[in-house]
Amino acid sequence: MTISEVINLILGFLGIIIGMIMFWSLPVPGFISKSTAGLPFLSIIIPARNEEGRISPLLQSLQEQRFKGFEVLLVDDDSSDRTAAIAESYGVTVLHNIGAGKSSACWRGAKEAKGTWLLFLDADTRFTSMDGLRNLLHYYQGKGARGILALQPYHTVERVYEHLSIVFNIIVVVGMNLFTVWGSRFKAAGSFGPCILCNRDDYFLSGGHEKIEGAIMDDLALGEAFLDQNLPVRCLGGRGIISFRMYPEGVGSLIEGWCKSFAVGSKSTHPVVMLMVILWITGSLTSASALISSIMEGETAAMIVNGALYFLYTVQTAWFARRVGDFRWVYFPFYPLFFLFFAVIFLYSFVRVNVFHSVKWKGRKIKV
């Protein structure tokens, strides 16, 4: 066995171990009570721009909730489609915010809200059970009803190309710094964005979305604003409570969306966590490369060892991915393709942000 082969094996097995340390667990809110007594009035704020194809499942799931003590405010961010009309057909209050972006829309909704607590939801989310909202609120209440409780919705997948998001979904969670073997030892990078619950007083004390207007990663920036006021930011998985389907429009939308997010968002990840991510990705790719080389050279012993390592990465990637989404098992043996796709898009995003200083999203060119 050559020195390079030994190094590849070391990197591969090291990556497996580091992966376990890096993504130790992803807790979800527990089911605390079947009662809705004691829960305050809630304002649900949905910023939306051209969401006519995605807003109905969320509004339908809200109508089906057993907990009824809430209002729904949809803030239409200059849509050119039927987003507002669809929302009104569900009895939702529609506010119009002309072309000022998501943060401005959320701020407008918060100022109009009547609730003691505020829940910001992306238009492509939906509650997966009739008690999902109640369980979310009880968990927040059980933690003292202070600061932010943010959930990363469980990613539902319908088409093959959506599996290209596998590694992105894992890294989004890991990059929050909270899910390593050390738990909350590292400072939170911010908050998840699609589902953010907070109380009204803390929101306005932090400056809310008005303070972070113009931020590309508004979710991370809002979390930072709360942390600056010594308010807690709790991030959990949304499995069993809330889900979403990402980029159903096609591969182009998927690339555009992840490009917008990653090079900017990665700056908030703790250096130790970022190093673990890099080593995990490096190990995954070197193990695949080593297996291919051993097959081409016909080395039986090397094929067995590298094949075992490849199998471990397949299982580990599947295990991590199934924590964050219902990705199909049949695609995980091809995991190197997902890692390569991640590396290419991350590099492209890095160039867009640091060379061209702009990204595109929903027909808008955003300066960064």
Protein backbone atom coordinates (compact mmCIF):
# COMPACT_ATOMS: atom_id res chain seq x y z
CA MET A 1 0.00 0.00 0.00
CA THR A 2 1.43 3.37 -1.04
CA ILE A 3 1.73 6.43 1.19
CA SER A 4 -1.07 8.21 -0.72
CA GLU A 5 -3.36 5.19 -0.24
CA VAL A 6 -2.64 5.20 3.50
CA ILE A 7 -3.39 8.93 3.67
CA ASN A 8 -6.68 8.40 1.80
CA LEU A 9 -7.70 5.69 4.26
CA ILE A 10 -6.82 7.86 7.23
CA LEU A 11 -8.80 10.79 5.81
CA GLY A 12 -11.74 8.50 5.07
CA PHE A 13 -11.99 6.94 8.52
CA LEU A 14 -11.24 10.28 10.18
CA GLY A 15 -14.12 11.80 8.20
CA ILE A 16 -16.53 9.15 9.45
CA ILE A 17 -15.56 9.82 13.07
CA ILE A 18 -15.67 13.58 12.64
CA GLY A 19 -19.08 13.29 10.98
CA MET A 20 -20.45 11.69 14.13
CA ILE A 21 -18.99 14.45 16.29
CA MET A 22 -20.19 17.15 13.88
CA PHE A 23 -23.83 16.00 13.68
CA TRP A 24 -24.42 14.24 16.97
CA SER A 25 -28.15 14.87 17.24
CA LEU A 26 -31.06 16.95 15.99
CA PRO A 27 -33.69 17.32 18.74
CA VAL A 28 -37.30 18.17 17.95
CA PRO A 29 -39.92 19.76 20.22
CA GLY A 30 -41.54 17.18 22.47
CA PHE A 31 -45.29 16.74 22.76
CA ILE A 32 -46.10 18.33 26.10
CA SER A 33 -49.85 18.76 26.52
CA LYS A 34 -53.09 18.20 24.64
CA SER A 35 -54.59 21.28 26.23
CA THR A 36 -54.60 24.72 24.62
CA ALA A 37 -55.29 26.48 27.90
CA GLY A 38 -52.81 29.14 28.89
CA LEU A 39 -51.52 29.81 25.41
CA PRO A 40 -51.65 33.50 24.41
CA PHE A 41 -53.10 34.90 21.21
CA LEU A 42 -50.71 34.33 18.31
CA SER A 43 -50.05 36.31 15.15
CA ILE A 44 -48.79 34.25 12.21
CA ILE A 45 -46.92 36.40 9.70
CA ILE A 46 -46.21 35.04 6.21
CA PRO A 47 -44.01 37.13 3.88
CA ALA A 48 -44.79 36.06 0.30
CA ARG A 49 -43.65 36.97 -3.19
CA ASN A 50 -45.13 35.09 -6.16
CA GLU A 51 -46.13 32.06 -4.10
CA GLU A 52 -49.44 31.14 -5.77
CA GLY A 53 -48.17 27.63 -6.49
CA ARG A 54 -47.00 26.96 -2.92
CA ILE A 55 -49.09 28.93 -0.43
CA SER A 56 -52.26 26.78 -0.34
CA PRO A 57 -50.83 23.78 1.60
CA LEU A 58 -49.69 26.08 4.42
CA LEU A 59 -53.01 27.93 4.64
CA GLN A 60 -54.91 24.64 4.51
CA SER A 61 -52.77 23.18 7.31
CA LEU A 62 -53.43 26.27 9.44
CA GLN A 63 -57.17 25.85 8.99
CA GLU A 64 -56.86 22.25 10.20
CA GLN A 65 -55.08 23.10 13.45
CA ARG A 66 -56.91 22.22 16.68
CA PHE A 67 -55.49 25.33 18.32
CA LYS A 68 -57.52 28.27 17.00
CA GLY A 69 -56.19 31.23 18.98
CA PHE A 70 -54.37 32.96 16.16
CA GLU A 71 -54.63 35.40 13.30
CA VAL A 72 -52.88 35.04 9.94
CA LEU A 73 -51.30 38.01 8.19
CA LEU A 74 -49.91 37.47 4.71
CA VAL A 75 -47.64 40.30 3.63
CA ASP A 76 -47.59 40.39 -0.15
CA ASP A 77 -44.15 41.52 -1.30
CA ASP A 78 -45.10 42.98 -4.70
CA SER A 79 -46.28 39.70 -6.23
CA SER A 80 -47.22 39.61 -9.90
CA ASP A 81 -49.33 36.46 -9.56
CA ARG A 82 -52.45 35.40 -7.58
CA THR A 83 -50.73 35.02 -4.19
CA ALA A 84 -52.90 37.66 -2.51
CA ALA A 85 -56.15 36.39 -4.05
CA ILE A 86 -55.47 32.83 -2.91
CA ALA A 87 -54.68 34.01 0.62
CA GLU A 88 -57.90 36.02 0.75
CA SER A 89 -59.88 32.95 -0.34
CA TYR A 90 -58.72 31.28 2.90
CA GLY A 91 -59.91 34.26 4.96
CA VAL A 92 -56.38 35.54 5.56
CA THR A 93 -55.68 39.22 6.14
CA VAL A 94 -53.48 40.45 3.27
CA LEU A 95 -51.13 43.39 3.67
CA HIS A 96 -49.29 44.88 0.71
CA ASN A 97 -45.63 45.80 0.96
CA ILE A 98 -44.39 47.10 -2.36
CA GLY A 99 -41.12 45.51 -3.44
CA ALA A 100 -39.07 46.09 -0.30
CA GLY A 101 -37.96 42.51 0.40
CA LYS A 102 -38.61 39.81 2.99
CA SER A 103 -37.30 41.65 6.07
CA SER A 104 -39.42 44.69 5.31
CA ALA A 105 -42.46 42.46 4.80
CA CYS A 106 -41.91 40.73 8.15
CA TRP A 107 -41.52 44.09 9.90
CA ARG A 108 -44.74 45.36 8.34
CA GLY A 109 -46.56 42.26 9.54
CA ALA A 110 -45.15 42.54 13.06
CA LYS A 111 -46.29 46.15 13.38
CA GLU A 112 -49.83 45.21 12.31
CA ALA A 113 -49.98 42.07 14.47
CA LYS A 114 -52.29 41.82 17.46
CA GLY A 115 -50.73 38.74 19.03
CA THR A 116 -48.66 38.45 22.21
CA TRP A 117 -46.47 35.96 20.35
CA LEU A 118 -45.31 36.22 16.72
CA LEU A 119 -44.74 33.27 14.38
CA PHE A 120 -42.96 33.99 11.09
CA LEU A 121 -43.50 31.28 8.48
CA ASP A 122 -42.15 30.93 4.95
CA ALA A 123 -44.86 30.43 2.36
CA ASP A 124 -43.57 26.99 1.34
CA THR A 125 -43.93 25.48 4.83
CA ARG A 126 -46.86 23.48 6.17
CA PHE A 127 -47.82 21.87 9.48
CA THR A 128 -47.78 18.09 9.22
CA SER A 129 -50.30 17.35 11.98
CA MET A 130 -53.38 18.99 13.46
CA ASP A 131 -51.51 19.50 16.74
CA GLY A 132 -48.25 20.74 15.25
CA LEU A 133 -48.87 24.40 16.04
CA ARG A 134 -50.09 23.66 19.57
CA ASN A 135 -47.05 21.48 20.30
CA LEU A 136 -44.71 24.18 19.01
CA LEU A 137 -46.34 26.80 21.26
CA HIS A 138 -46.29 24.55 24.32
CA TYR A 139 -42.60 23.85 23.84
CA TYR A 140 -41.86 27.58 23.64
CA GLN A 141 -43.94 28.18 26.75
CA GLY A 142 -42.13 25.38 28.57
CA LYS A 143 -38.79 27.05 27.82
CA GLY A 144 -39.90 30.30 29.40
CA ALA A 145 -41.35 31.95 26.27
CA ARG A 146 -38.24 34.07 25.81
CA GLY A 147 -36.13 34.79 22.76
CA ILE A 148 -36.45 32.76 19.56
CA LEU A 149 -37.54 29.20 18.96
CA ALA A 150 -36.67 28.33 15.35
CA LEU A 151 -37.44 25.08 13.55
CA GLN A 152 -35.84 23.76 10.39
CA PRO A 153 -38.80 22.15 8.58
CA TYR A 154 -38.51 18.54 7.48
CA HIS A 155 -37.70 18.49 3.77
CA THR A 156 -40.24 16.55 1.70
CA VAL A 157 -39.00 15.31 -1.66
CA GLU A 158 -41.05 14.50 -4.76
CA ARG A 159 -38.69 14.58 -7.76
CA VAL A 160 -35.27 13.02 -8.37
CA TYR A 161 -33.36 16.30 -8.84
CA GLU A 162 -34.42 17.45 -5.36
CA HIS A 163 -31.94 14.94 -3.93
CA LEU A 164 -29.22 17.34 -5.05
CA SER A 165 -30.09 19.26 -1.87
CA ILE A 166 -29.05 16.41 0.43
CA VAL A 167 -25.66 17.76 1.52
CA PHE A 168 -26.94 21.35 1.62
CA ASN A 169 -29.70 20.37 4.04
CA ILE A 170 -27.24 18.60 6.31
CA ILE A 171 -24.79 21.51 6.32
CA VAL A 172 -27.54 24.08 6.94
CA VAL A 173 -28.33 22.30 10.20
CA VAL A 174 -24.74 21.55 11.21
CA GLY A 175 -23.69 25.13 10.41
CA MET A 176 -25.85 26.46 13.23
CA ASN A 177 -23.09 25.23 15.64
CA LEU A 178 -25.60 23.60 18.02
CA PHE A 179 -25.75 19.95 16.99
CA THR A 180 -22.23 18.70 17.67
CA VAL A 181 -21.36 16.29 20.46
CA TRP A 182 -20.76 19.40 22.63
CA GLY A 183 -24.34 20.64 22.28
CA SER A 184 -24.69 24.38 22.92
CA ARG A 185 -21.03 24.94 23.81
CA PHE A 186 -20.57 26.99 20.63
CA LYS A 187 -22.52 30.20 20.08
CA ALA A 188 -25.51 29.81 17.76
CA ALA A 189 -24.84 31.11 14.25
CA GLY A 190 -28.27 32.74 14.27
CA SER A 191 -31.65 31.13 13.77
CA PHE A 192 -33.31 28.94 11.17
CA GLY A 193 -35.43 31.06 8.86
CA PRO A 194 -38.56 29.20 7.68
CA CYS A 195 -40.23 28.96 11.11
CA ILE A 196 -39.42 31.54 13.81
CA LEU A 197 -41.45 31.92 17.00
CA CYS A 198 -40.84 34.72 19.48
CA ASN A 199 -42.75 36.94 21.87
CA ARG A 200 -43.69 40.45 20.84
CA ASP A 201 -41.70 42.28 23.52
CA ASP A 202 -38.44 40.47 22.75
CA TYR A 203 -38.93 41.01 19.04
CA PHE A 204 -39.19 44.78 19.29
CA LEU A 205 -36.46 44.93 21.95
CA SER A 206 -34.07 43.25 19.49
CA GLY A 207 -34.99 45.69 16.73
CA GLY A 208 -36.69 42.93 14.79
CA HIS A 209 -36.55 42.77 11.02
CA GLU A 210 -36.20 46.53 10.76
CA LYS A 211 -32.74 46.28 12.32
CA ILE A 212 -31.58 43.63 9.83
CA GLU A 213 -33.22 45.00 6.68
CA GLY A 214 -30.91 44.44 3.73
CA ALA A 215 -29.25 41.35 5.21
CA ILE A 216 -28.97 38.50 2.68
CA MET A 217 -29.36 35.85 5.38
CA ASP A 218 -32.15 37.48 7.37
CA ASP A 219 -32.61 34.42 9.59
CA LEU A 220 -29.00 34.44 10.79
CA ALA A 221 -29.08 38.21 11.23
CA LEU A 222 -32.30 38.12 13.27
CA GLY A 223 -30.82 35.49 15.56
CA GLU A 224 -27.76 37.66 16.03
CA ALA A 225 -29.99 40.63 16.91
CA PHE A 226 -31.65 38.59 19.67
CA LEU A 227 -28.30 37.29 20.95
CA ASP A 228 -27.02 40.89 21.10
CA GLN A 229 -29.77 41.55 23.65
CA ASN A 230 -28.83 38.40 25.62
CA LEU A 231 -32.03 36.72 24.49
CA PRO A 232 -31.90 32.94 23.91
CA VAL A 233 -32.01 31.45 20.41
CA ARG A 234 -33.09 27.80 20.30
CA CYS A 235 -32.89 25.86 17.04
CA LEU A 236 -34.50 22.44 16.58
CA GLY A 237 -35.57 20.07 13.85
CA GLY A 238 -39.14 20.24 12.61
CA ARG A 239 -39.81 16.57 11.91
CA GLY A 240 -43.34 15.65 12.99
CA ILE A 241 -44.38 19.30 13.28
CA ILE A 242 -43.61 21.29 10.14
CA SER A 243 -42.28 20.48 6.69
CA PHE A 244 -41.49 22.14 3.38
CA ARG A 245 -40.60 21.26 -0.18
CA MET A 246 -37.61 23.20 -1.47
CA TYR A 247 -37.28 24.50 -5.01
CA PRO A 248 -40.08 22.58 -6.78
CA GLU A 249 -39.67 24.88 -9.80
CA GLY A 250 -36.62 22.98 -11.05
CA VAL A 251 -32.83 22.67 -10.92
CA GLY A 252 -32.30 26.33 -11.87
CA SER A 253 -34.27 27.53 -8.85
CA LEU A 254 -32.41 25.06 -6.62
CA ILE A 255 -29.02 26.35 -7.76
CA GLU A 256 -30.10 29.98 -7.43
CA GLY A 257 -31.49 29.42 -3.94
CA TRP A 258 -28.47 27.59 -2.52
CA CYS A 259 -26.08 30.02 -4.21
CA LYS A 260 -27.84 32.88 -2.43
CA SER A 261 -27.52 31.21 0.93
CA PHE A 262 -24.27 29.40 1.31
CA ALA A 263 -21.22 31.62 0.83
CA VAL A 264 -22.79 34.30 3.04
CA GLY A 265 -24.24 31.91 5.61
CA SER A 266 -21.01 29.96 6.07
CA LYS A 267 -19.35 33.04 7.58
CA SER A 268 -21.47 32.57 10.72
CA THR A 269 -20.40 28.98 11.28
CA HIS A 270 -17.88 28.43 14.10
CA PRO A 271 -14.34 27.73 12.74
CA VAL A 272 -14.21 24.37 14.56
CA VAL A 273 -17.52 23.29 13.05
CA MET A 274 -16.43 24.53 9.63
CA LEU A 275 -13.20 22.53 9.90
CA MET A 276 -15.20 19.41 10.75
CA VAL A 277 -17.47 20.00 7.75
CA ILE A 278 -14.45 20.34 5.45
CA LEU A 279 -12.85 17.16 6.80
CA TRP A 280 -16.11 15.24 6.51
CA ILE A 281 -16.60 16.30 2.89
CA THR A 282 -12.93 15.63 2.08
CA GLY A 283 -13.11 12.15 3.59
CA SER A 284 -16.26 11.33 1.63
CA LEU A 285 -14.67 12.27 -1.69
CA THR A 286 -11.29 10.63 -1.02
CA SER A 287 -12.99 7.36 0.00
CA ALA A 288 -14.90 7.31 -3.29
CA SER A 289 -11.74 8.14 -5.25
CA ALA A 290 -9.79 5.40 -3.45
CA LEU A 291 -12.45 2.80 -4.22
CA ILE A 292 -12.46 3.69 -7.91
CA SER A 293 -8.64 3.52 -8.03
CA SER A 294 -8.52 0.12 -6.32
CA ILE A 295 -11.12 -1.28 -8.74
CA MET A 296 -9.19 0.03 -11.75
CA GLU A 297 -5.94 -1.47 -10.44
CA GLY A 298 -7.54 -4.76 -9.47
CA GLU A 299 -6.22 -4.76 -5.89
CA THR A 300 -8.52 -7.12 -3.98
CA ALA A 301 -7.46 -6.17 -0.44
CA ALA A 302 -7.72 -2.46 -1.22
CA MET A 303 -11.13 -2.97 -2.83
CA ILE A 304 -12.42 -4.67 0.33
CA VAL A 305 -11.13 -1.96 2.67
CA ASN A 306 -12.18 0.94 0.44
CA GLY A 307 -15.51 -0.75 -0.28
CA ALA A 308 -16.20 -1.00 3.45
CA LEU A 309 -15.33 2.67 3.90
CA TYR A 310 -17.57 3.64 0.97
CA PHE A 311 -20.41 1.65 2.54
CA LEU A 312 -19.92 3.46 5.87
CA TYR A 313 -20.15 6.84 4.14
CA THR A 314 -23.28 5.70 2.29
CA VAL A 315 -24.96 4.69 5.54
CA GLN A 316 -23.80 7.76 7.46
CA THR A 317 -24.91 10.18 4.74
CA ALA A 318 -28.29 8.46 4.59
CA TRP A 319 -28.62 8.57 8.38
CA PHE A 320 -27.83 12.29 8.53
CA ALA A 321 -30.04 13.12 5.55
CA ARG A 322 -33.04 11.22 6.90
CA ARG A 323 -32.90 13.39 10.02
CA VAL A 324 -33.61 16.46 7.89
CA GLY A 325 -35.74 15.11 5.03
CA ASP A 326 -37.48 12.10 3.49
CA PHE A 327 -34.76 11.50 0.90
CA ARG A 328 -34.99 8.12 -0.85
CA TRP A 329 -32.62 5.37 0.28
CA VAL A 330 -31.98 4.19 -3.27
CA TYR A 331 -29.94 7.30 -4.13
CA PHE A 332 -27.44 7.21 -1.26
CA PRO A 333 -25.01 4.73 -2.90
CA PHE A 334 -24.36 7.60 -5.32
CA TYR A 335 -23.48 9.98 -2.49
CA PRO A 336 -20.22 11.29 -4.13
CA LEU A 337 -22.35 13.04 -6.76
CA PHE A 338 -24.19 14.97 -4.04
CA PHE A 339 -20.93 16.02 -2.39
CA LEU A 340 -19.45 17.10 -5.73
CA PHE A 341 -22.58 19.11 -6.52
CA PHE A 342 -22.33 20.80 -3.14
CA ALA A 343 -18.65 21.67 -3.71
CA VAL A 344 -19.33 23.14 -7.16
CA ILE A 345 -22.29 25.27 -6.02
CA PHE A 346 -20.44 26.45 -2.92
CA LEU A 347 -17.51 27.56 -5.09
CA TYR A 348 -19.89 29.29 -7.51
CA SER A 349 -21.62 31.02 -4.59
CA PHE A 350 -18.26 32.11 -3.17
CA VAL A 351 -17.32 33.70 -6.51
CA ARG A 352 -20.71 35.42 -6.86
CA VAL A 353 -20.45 36.92 -3.37
CA ASN A 354 -16.76 37.81 -3.22
CA VAL A 355 -16.01 38.70 -6.86
CA PHE A 356 -19.27 39.90 -8.43
CA HIS A 357 -20.82 41.01 -5.10
CA SER A 358 -24.31 40.01 -6.19
CA VAL A 359 -26.68 37.05 -6.22
CA LYS A 360 -30.03 36.45 -7.91
CA TRP A 361 -33.26 35.38 -6.26
CA LYS A 362 -36.84 35.40 -7.56
CA GLY A 363 -36.08 37.76 -10.39
CA ARG A 364 -34.15 40.21 -8.23
CA LYS A 365 -30.45 40.97 -8.33
CA ILE A 366 -29.30 41.32 -4.74
CA LYS A 367 -26.09 43.17 -3.91
CA VAL A 368 -23.88 41.64 -1.22
